[in-house]
Amino acid sequence: MLRIHEDRKQLRMLQRFRADAGAVAEADPPPWIDRRSEYLLPLSDQGNTTQCASEAICCEIERLDWKQNGRKMQRDANRVYQRALQLEYETNQKAGTTLFTPIEAVVEFGWIDPIPGAEQRVVMDLTGAELRLALCRLIHRYNCVIAGFNITEGWMTAKADGWIDGKRSKSLGGHGVPLCGYRDLGHGDELDVPNSWGPDHAWQGFIRLPWMTVQEQFLYAVGMDIKVRKETQ
């Protein structure tokens, strides 16, 4: 669960990402990208918890740790979540967090280098083709993109190939996930999401969102470049 109101307050202090500025040189749209093959560790299962944002940053650290340091190591998302709750002065275990306090926690643990706010970029308050282009180019520009969605129960009943059930529209609330790839309209028509409900859910834990569904459920996304430290606590 995401604390959407608190996230939006912090997001307004970040610079907006301009889809036409230094993202990729290719013409609109940028070329397809698919990082699912880089996620070599099984995707974690948050179970009956509200630690989705902590799971999301741990998922990205695991992938980038393997890519940057050649190390395959599962990270403790619950430890991150507990510290994030403390940083938010929250004792309710079901409260959820913003996207940002789990990042503060992993910096504090020494897992990654600090990421100044001036180096983070946000995509929000966009619709239609403008939103699609911004998300595609954000994924190209940054090695870590974490997004918030107002998901529906269709995510819970996702098919074995990863596609969600668009007819199941009951809202489940805010959910934080990384973004790892996409295909353009007419060529797959999907945004790829590594979820935190375990490797047996959907397609090996990955959700495939049609762009129309993205339009309906997307809240915001933050792009940043993460450097995983070789020596971690």
C-alpha atoms as a PDB file:
ATOM      1  CA  MET A   1       0.000   0.000   0.000  1.00  0.00           C
ATOM      2  CA  LEU A   2       1.298   3.446  -0.900  1.00  0.00           C
ATOM      3  CA  ARG A   3       0.782   6.622   1.062  1.00  0.00           C
ATOM      4  CA  ILE A   4      -0.274   8.438  -2.082  1.00  0.00           C
ATOM      5  CA  HIS A   5      -0.947  11.857  -0.569  1.00  0.00           C
ATOM      6  CA  GLU A   6       2.495  12.018   1.097  1.00  0.00           C
ATOM      7  CA  ASP A   7       4.162  10.789  -2.093  1.00  0.00           C
ATOM      8  CA  ARG A   8       2.564  13.525  -4.148  1.00  0.00           C
ATOM      9  CA  LYS A   9       3.814  16.199  -1.757  1.00  0.00           C
ATOM     10  CA  GLN A  10       7.397  15.001  -2.205  1.00  0.00           C
ATOM     11  CA  LEU A  11       7.007  14.412  -5.946  1.00  0.00           C
ATOM     12  CA  ARG A  12       6.042  18.041  -6.465  1.00  0.00           C
ATOM     13  CA  MET A  13       9.489  19.026  -5.188  1.00  0.00           C
ATOM     14  CA  LEU A  14      11.269  16.937  -7.835  1.00  0.00           C
ATOM     15  CA  GLN A  15      11.959  17.986 -11.397  1.00  0.00           C
ATOM     16  CA  ARG A  16       9.588  16.657 -14.030  1.00  0.00           C
ATOM     17  CA  PHE A  17      11.008  14.332 -16.661  1.00  0.00           C
ATOM     18  CA  ARG A  18      10.885  15.769 -20.166  1.00  0.00           C
ATOM     19  CA  ALA A  19      10.353  12.948 -22.622  1.00  0.00           C
ATOM     20  CA  ASP A  20      11.986  14.907 -25.420  1.00  0.00           C
ATOM     21  CA  ALA A  21      15.105  15.941 -23.528  1.00  0.00           C
ATOM     22  CA  GLY A  22      18.150  13.692 -23.610  1.00  0.00           C
ATOM     23  CA  ALA A  23      16.369  10.410 -23.023  1.00  0.00           C
ATOM     24  CA  VAL A  24      17.216   8.551 -26.227  1.00  0.00           C
ATOM     25  CA  ALA A  25      18.231   9.788 -29.642  1.00  0.00           C
ATOM     26  CA  GLU A  26      15.825   7.615 -31.609  1.00  0.00           C
ATOM     27  CA  ALA A  27      12.591   8.961 -33.010  1.00  0.00           C
ATOM     28  CA  ASP A  28       9.240   8.577 -31.266  1.00  0.00           C
ATOM     29  CA  PRO A  29       8.661   6.011 -29.923  1.00  0.00           C
ATOM     30  CA  PRO A  30      11.977   4.829 -28.458  1.00  0.00           C
ATOM     31  CA  PRO A  31      12.946   1.212 -29.179  1.00  0.00           C
ATOM     32  CA  TRP A  32      11.418  -1.583 -27.169  1.00  0.00           C
ATOM     33  CA  ILE A  33      13.159  -2.662 -24.000  1.00  0.00           C
ATOM     34  CA  ASP A  34      12.723  -5.795 -21.896  1.00  0.00           C
ATOM     35  CA  ARG A  35      14.662  -6.243 -18.670  1.00  0.00           C
ATOM     36  CA  ARG A  36      12.727  -9.277 -17.492  1.00  0.00           C
ATOM     37  CA  SER A  37      15.615 -11.559 -18.434  1.00  0.00           C
ATOM     38  CA  GLU A  38      17.866  -9.614 -16.046  1.00  0.00           C
ATOM     39  CA  TYR A  39      15.773 -10.517 -13.011  1.00  0.00           C
ATOM     40  CA  LEU A  40      17.531 -13.769 -12.257  1.00  0.00           C
ATOM     41  CA  LEU A  41      16.429 -14.067  -8.638  1.00  0.00           C
ATOM     42  CA  PRO A  42      12.889 -15.338  -8.029  1.00  0.00           C
ATOM     43  CA  LEU A  43      10.528 -12.439  -7.376  1.00  0.00           C
ATOM     44  CA  SER A  44       9.637 -12.099  -3.709  1.00  0.00           C
ATOM     45  CA  ASP A  45       6.189 -12.516  -2.182  1.00  0.00           C
ATOM     46  CA  GLN A  46       5.124  -9.772   0.208  1.00  0.00           C
ATOM     47  CA  GLY A  47       2.309 -11.970   1.466  1.00  0.00           C
ATOM     48  CA  ASN A  48      -0.338 -10.309   3.595  1.00  0.00           C
ATOM     49  CA  THR A  49       1.706  -7.165   4.172  1.00  0.00           C
ATOM     50  CA  THR A  50       1.707  -3.585   2.909  1.00  0.00           C
ATOM     51  CA  GLN A  51       5.430  -3.398   2.112  1.00  0.00           C
ATOM     52  CA  CYS A  52       5.141  -3.109  -1.676  1.00  0.00           C
ATOM     53  CA  ALA A  53       7.432  -0.066  -1.976  1.00  0.00           C
ATOM     54  CA  SER A  54      10.106  -1.830   0.072  1.00  0.00           C
ATOM     55  CA  GLU A  55       9.774  -4.909  -2.116  1.00  0.00           C
ATOM     56  CA  ALA A  56      10.125  -2.721  -5.208  1.00  0.00           C
ATOM     57  CA  ILE A  57      13.420  -1.114  -4.193  1.00  0.00           C
ATOM     58  CA  CYS A  58      14.818  -4.456  -3.014  1.00  0.00           C
ATOM     59  CA  CYS A  59      13.886  -6.023  -6.354  1.00  0.00           C
ATOM     60  CA  GLU A  60      15.827  -3.332  -8.194  1.00  0.00           C
ATOM     61  CA  ILE A  61      18.829  -3.580  -5.865  1.00  0.00           C
ATOM     62  CA  GLU A  62      18.984  -7.344  -6.392  1.00  0.00           C
ATOM     63  CA  ARG A  63      18.961  -6.954 -10.165  1.00  0.00           C
ATOM     64  CA  LEU A  64      21.508  -4.155 -10.222  1.00  0.00           C
ATOM     65  CA  ASP A  65      23.749  -5.865  -7.660  1.00  0.00           C
ATOM     66  CA  TRP A  66      24.006  -8.853 -10.018  1.00  0.00           C
ATOM     67  CA  LYS A  67      24.572  -6.569 -13.009  1.00  0.00           C
ATOM     68  CA  GLN A  68      27.076  -4.209 -11.378  1.00  0.00           C
ATOM     69  CA  ASN A  69      28.857  -6.487  -8.904  1.00  0.00           C
ATOM     70  CA  GLY A  70      28.187 -10.025 -10.136  1.00  0.00           C
ATOM     71  CA  ARG A  71      26.476 -10.880  -6.859  1.00  0.00           C
ATOM     72  CA  LYS A  72      23.160 -12.709  -6.514  1.00  0.00           C
ATOM     73  CA  MET A  73      21.806 -11.869  -3.096  1.00  0.00           C
ATOM     74  CA  GLN A  74      18.236 -11.693  -1.864  1.00  0.00           C
ATOM     75  CA  ARG A  75      17.479  -8.558   0.152  1.00  0.00           C
ATOM     76  CA  ASP A  76      15.304  -8.420   3.261  1.00  0.00           C
ATOM     77  CA  ALA A  77      12.346  -6.251   2.263  1.00  0.00           C
ATOM     78  CA  ASN A  78      10.750  -6.638   5.685  1.00  0.00           C
ATOM     79  CA  ARG A  79      13.814  -5.098   7.322  1.00  0.00           C
ATOM     80  CA  VAL A  80      13.550  -2.201   4.872  1.00  0.00           C
ATOM     81  CA  TYR A  81       9.846  -1.836   5.570  1.00  0.00           C
ATOM     82  CA  GLN A  82      10.290  -1.764   9.338  1.00  0.00           C
ATOM     83  CA  ARG A  83      12.908   0.970   9.064  1.00  0.00           C
ATOM     84  CA  ALA A  84      10.764   2.910   6.586  1.00  0.00           C
ATOM     85  CA  LEU A  85       7.877   2.859   9.059  1.00  0.00           C
ATOM     86  CA  GLN A  86      10.201   4.252  11.733  1.00  0.00           C
ATOM     87  CA  LEU A  87      11.334   6.997   9.372  1.00  0.00           C
ATOM     88  CA  GLU A  88       7.689   7.922   8.869  1.00  0.00           C
ATOM     89  CA  TYR A  89       7.028   7.822  12.633  1.00  0.00           C
ATOM     90  CA  GLU A  90       4.506   5.073  12.034  1.00  0.00           C
ATOM     91  CA  THR A  91       3.817   2.123  14.339  1.00  0.00           C
ATOM     92  CA  ASN A  92       0.878   0.656  12.419  1.00  0.00           C
ATOM     93  CA  GLN A  93       2.215  -2.397  10.571  1.00  0.00           C
ATOM     94  CA  LYS A  94      -0.552  -2.061   7.971  1.00  0.00           C
ATOM     95  CA  ALA A  95       0.072   1.613   7.258  1.00  0.00           C
ATOM     96  CA  GLY A  96       2.201   1.218   4.145  1.00  0.00           C
ATOM     97  CA  THR A  97       4.851   3.774   3.181  1.00  0.00           C
ATOM     98  CA  THR A  98       5.683   6.297   0.517  1.00  0.00           C
ATOM     99  CA  LEU A  99       7.942   5.323  -2.376  1.00  0.00           C
ATOM    100  CA  PHE A 100      10.738   7.346  -0.804  1.00  0.00           C
ATOM    101  CA  THR A 101      11.308   6.162   2.774  1.00  0.00           C
ATOM    102  CA  PRO A 102      12.328   2.628   1.698  1.00  0.00           C
ATOM    103  CA  ILE A 103      14.982   4.298  -0.473  1.00  0.00           C
ATOM    104  CA  GLU A 104      16.125   6.306   2.559  1.00  0.00           C
ATOM    105  CA  ALA A 105      16.317   3.048   4.509  1.00  0.00           C
ATOM    106  CA  VAL A 106      18.532   1.193   1.996  1.00  0.00           C
ATOM    107  CA  VAL A 107      20.854   4.216   1.782  1.00  0.00           C
ATOM    108  CA  GLU A 108      21.057   4.189   5.576  1.00  0.00           C
ATOM    109  CA  PHE A 109      21.853   0.445   5.513  1.00  0.00           C
ATOM    110  CA  GLY A 110      24.730   1.154   3.127  1.00  0.00           C
ATOM    111  CA  TRP A 111      23.255  -0.961   0.327  1.00  0.00           C
ATOM    112  CA  ILE A 112      23.340   1.824  -2.281  1.00  0.00           C
ATOM    113  CA  ASP A 113      24.958   5.214  -2.722  1.00  0.00           C
ATOM    114  CA  PRO A 114      22.821   8.242  -1.827  1.00  0.00           C
ATOM    115  CA  ILE A 115      20.613   9.563  -4.635  1.00  0.00           C
ATOM    116  CA  PRO A 116      20.227  13.347  -4.447  1.00  0.00           C
ATOM    117  CA  GLY A 117      16.749  14.621  -5.165  1.00  0.00           C
ATOM    118  CA  ALA A 118      18.199  16.755  -7.962  1.00  0.00           C
ATOM    119  CA  GLU A 119      19.129  13.530  -9.768  1.00  0.00           C
ATOM    120  CA  GLN A 120      15.656  11.988  -9.538  1.00  0.00           C
ATOM    121  CA  ARG A 121      12.980  12.656 -12.153  1.00  0.00           C
ATOM    122  CA  VAL A 122       9.236  12.258 -11.844  1.00  0.00           C
ATOM    123  CA  VAL A 123       6.506  11.468 -14.367  1.00  0.00           C
ATOM    124  CA  MET A 124       3.017  12.431 -13.257  1.00  0.00           C
ATOM    125  CA  ASP A 125      -0.073  14.369 -14.352  1.00  0.00           C
ATOM    126  CA  LEU A 126       0.230  13.132 -17.949  1.00  0.00           C
ATOM    127  CA  THR A 127      -2.248  11.271 -20.143  1.00  0.00           C
ATOM    128  CA  GLY A 128      -2.507   9.614 -23.535  1.00  0.00           C
ATOM    129  CA  ALA A 129       0.472   9.393 -25.873  1.00  0.00           C
ATOM    130  CA  GLU A 130       2.389  11.898 -23.754  1.00  0.00           C
ATOM    131  CA  LEU A 131       2.293   9.556 -20.751  1.00  0.00           C
ATOM    132  CA  ARG A 132       3.277   6.534 -22.833  1.00  0.00           C
ATOM    133  CA  LEU A 133       6.261   8.323 -24.373  1.00  0.00           C
ATOM    134  CA  ALA A 134       7.415   9.692 -21.018  1.00  0.00           C
ATOM    135  CA  LEU A 135       7.330   6.265 -19.347  1.00  0.00           C
ATOM    136  CA  CYS A 136       9.109   4.575 -22.260  1.00  0.00           C
ATOM    137  CA  ARG A 137      11.889   7.120 -22.255  1.00  0.00           C
ATOM    138  CA  LEU A 138      12.145   7.168 -18.464  1.00  0.00           C
ATOM    139  CA  ILE A 139      12.839   3.413 -18.562  1.00  0.00           C
ATOM    140  CA  HIS A 140      15.537   3.993 -21.181  1.00  0.00           C
ATOM    141  CA  ARG A 141      17.173   6.866 -19.327  1.00  0.00           C
ATOM    142  CA  TYR A 142      17.409   5.454 -15.789  1.00  0.00           C
ATOM    143  CA  ASN A 143      18.517   2.076 -14.451  1.00  0.00           C
ATOM    144  CA  CYS A 144      15.775   2.132 -11.796  1.00  0.00           C
ATOM    145  CA  VAL A 145      12.170   3.235 -12.281  1.00  0.00           C
ATOM    146  CA  ILE A 146       9.603   2.720  -9.531  1.00  0.00           C
ATOM    147  CA  ALA A 147       5.957   3.577 -10.094  1.00  0.00           C
ATOM    148  CA  GLY A 148       2.722   3.805  -8.188  1.00  0.00           C
ATOM    149  CA  PHE A 149      -0.551   2.421  -9.539  1.00  0.00           C
ATOM    150  CA  ASN A 150      -4.102   2.397  -8.241  1.00  0.00           C
ATOM    151  CA  ILE A 151      -4.461  -1.291  -8.998  1.00  0.00           C
ATOM    152  CA  THR A 152      -7.616  -3.361  -9.421  1.00  0.00           C
ATOM    153  CA  GLU A 153      -8.427  -6.938  -8.478  1.00  0.00           C
ATOM    154  CA  GLY A 154      -7.564  -7.860 -12.072  1.00  0.00           C
ATOM    155  CA  TRP A 155      -3.950  -7.939 -10.905  1.00  0.00           C
ATOM    156  CA  MET A 156      -4.854 -10.733  -8.491  1.00  0.00           C
ATOM    157  CA  THR A 157      -6.372 -12.858 -11.255  1.00  0.00           C
ATOM    158  CA  ALA A 158      -3.623 -12.243 -13.827  1.00  0.00           C
ATOM    159  CA  LYS A 159      -3.257 -15.032 -16.361  1.00  0.00           C
ATOM    160  CA  ALA A 160      -0.288 -17.368 -16.644  1.00  0.00           C
ATOM    161  CA  ASP A 161       1.100 -15.258 -19.496  1.00  0.00           C
ATOM    162  CA  GLY A 162       1.041 -12.156 -17.276  1.00  0.00           C
ATOM    163  CA  TRP A 163      -1.927 -10.286 -18.769  1.00  0.00           C
ATOM    164  CA  ILE A 164      -4.310  -8.874 -16.182  1.00  0.00           C
ATOM    165  CA  ASP A 165      -8.072  -9.290 -16.305  1.00  0.00           C
ATOM    166  CA  GLY A 166      -9.249  -5.868 -17.440  1.00  0.00           C
ATOM    167  CA  LYS A 167     -12.878  -6.683 -16.629  1.00  0.00           C
ATOM    168  CA  ARG A 168     -12.186  -6.945 -12.921  1.00  0.00           C
ATOM    169  CA  SER A 169     -12.146  -3.293 -12.007  1.00  0.00           C
ATOM    170  CA  LYS A 170     -12.651  -3.200  -8.234  1.00  0.00           C
ATOM    171  CA  SER A 171      -9.939  -0.956  -6.802  1.00  0.00           C
ATOM    172  CA  LEU A 172      -7.432  -2.419  -4.354  1.00  0.00           C
ATOM    173  CA  GLY A 173      -5.602   0.859  -3.669  1.00  0.00           C
ATOM    174  CA  GLY A 174      -2.081   2.149  -4.219  1.00  0.00           C
ATOM    175  CA  HIS A 175       0.650  -0.343  -5.125  1.00  0.00           C
ATOM    176  CA  GLY A 176       4.363   0.322  -5.720  1.00  0.00           C
ATOM    177  CA  VAL A 177       6.299  -1.666  -8.345  1.00  0.00           C
ATOM    178  CA  PRO A 178       9.368  -1.309 -10.569  1.00  0.00           C
ATOM    179  CA  LEU A 179       8.987  -0.887 -14.332  1.00  0.00           C
ATOM    180  CA  CYS A 180      11.215  -3.145 -16.394  1.00  0.00           C
ATOM    181  CA  GLY A 181      10.141  -2.900 -20.024  1.00  0.00           C
ATOM    182  CA  TYR A 182       7.482  -2.251 -22.622  1.00  0.00           C
ATOM    183  CA  ARG A 183       6.316  -2.874 -26.149  1.00  0.00           C
ATOM    184  CA  ASP A 184       4.668  -0.227 -28.249  1.00  0.00           C
ATOM    185  CA  LEU A 185       1.090  -0.062 -29.496  1.00  0.00           C
ATOM    186  CA  GLY A 186       0.502  -2.675 -32.174  1.00  0.00           C
ATOM    187  CA  HIS A 187       3.646  -4.614 -31.253  1.00  0.00           C
ATOM    188  CA  GLY A 188       2.694  -6.175 -27.938  1.00  0.00           C
ATOM    189  CA  ASP A 189       1.002  -3.121 -26.390  1.00  0.00           C
ATOM    190  CA  GLU A 190       2.344  -3.644 -22.893  1.00  0.00           C
ATOM    191  CA  LEU A 191       4.166  -2.198 -19.919  1.00  0.00           C
ATOM    192  CA  ASP A 192       6.069  -4.902 -18.014  1.00  0.00           C
ATOM    193  CA  VAL A 193       6.024  -4.938 -14.225  1.00  0.00           C
ATOM    194  CA  PRO A 194       7.881  -7.236 -11.796  1.00  0.00           C
ATOM    195  CA  ASN A 195       5.336  -7.677  -9.030  1.00  0.00           C
ATOM    196  CA  SER A 196       5.901  -8.687  -5.391  1.00  0.00           C
ATOM    197  CA  TRP A 197       3.411 -11.547  -5.110  1.00  0.00           C
ATOM    198  CA  GLY A 198       5.863 -14.370  -5.682  1.00  0.00           C
ATOM    199  CA  PRO A 199       7.215 -16.209  -8.761  1.00  0.00           C
ATOM    200  CA  ASP A 200       4.120 -18.409  -9.084  1.00  0.00           C
ATOM    201  CA  HIS A 201       1.844 -15.435  -9.717  1.00  0.00           C
ATOM    202  CA  ALA A 202       1.096 -14.342 -13.304  1.00  0.00           C
ATOM    203  CA  TRP A 203       4.107 -14.967 -15.605  1.00  0.00           C
ATOM    204  CA  GLN A 204       6.917 -15.934 -13.202  1.00  0.00           C
ATOM    205  CA  GLY A 205       5.782 -13.023 -11.045  1.00  0.00           C
ATOM    206  CA  PHE A 206       5.577 -10.473 -13.867  1.00  0.00           C
ATOM    207  CA  ILE A 207       2.478  -8.473 -14.810  1.00  0.00           C
ATOM    208  CA  ARG A 208       1.808  -7.276 -18.373  1.00  0.00           C
ATOM    209  CA  LEU A 209      -0.283  -4.097 -18.487  1.00  0.00           C
ATOM    210  CA  PRO A 210      -1.959  -2.939 -21.717  1.00  0.00           C
ATOM    211  CA  TRP A 211      -1.345   0.766 -22.286  1.00  0.00           C
ATOM    212  CA  MET A 212      -5.071   1.438 -21.930  1.00  0.00           C
ATOM    213  CA  THR A 213      -4.912  -0.057 -18.436  1.00  0.00           C
ATOM    214  CA  VAL A 214      -1.830   1.992 -17.650  1.00  0.00           C
ATOM    215  CA  GLN A 215      -3.842   5.097 -18.538  1.00  0.00           C
ATOM    216  CA  GLU A 216      -6.546   4.069 -16.078  1.00  0.00           C
ATOM    217  CA  GLN A 217      -4.364   3.016 -13.145  1.00  0.00           C
ATOM    218  CA  PHE A 218      -1.077   4.957 -13.327  1.00  0.00           C
ATOM    219  CA  LEU A 219      -0.364   7.446 -10.527  1.00  0.00           C
ATOM    220  CA  TYR A 220       3.298   8.480 -10.800  1.00  0.00           C
ATOM    221  CA  ALA A 221       6.798   7.168 -11.487  1.00  0.00           C
ATOM    222  CA  VAL A 222      10.287   8.126 -10.324  1.00  0.00           C
ATOM    223  CA  GLY A 223      13.444   7.454 -12.343  1.00  0.00           C
ATOM    224  CA  MET A 224      16.902   7.344 -10.763  1.00  0.00           C
ATOM    225  CA  ASP A 225      20.318   5.784 -11.314  1.00  0.00           C
ATOM    226  CA  ILE A 226      21.277   3.396  -8.536  1.00  0.00           C
ATOM    227  CA  LYS A 227      24.815   2.343  -7.687  1.00  0.00           C
ATOM    228  CA  VAL A 228      24.855  -0.752  -5.453  1.00  0.00           C
ATOM    229  CA  ARG A 229      27.750  -0.819  -3.014  1.00  0.00           C
ATOM    230  CA  LYS A 230      30.043  -3.842  -3.109  1.00  0.00           C
ATOM    231  CA  GLU A 231      30.375  -3.828   0.665  1.00  0.00           C
ATOM    232  CA  THR A 232      26.990  -3.795   2.378  1.00  0.00           C
ATOM    233  CA  GLN A 233      25.792  -4.067   5.934  1.00  0.00           C
END
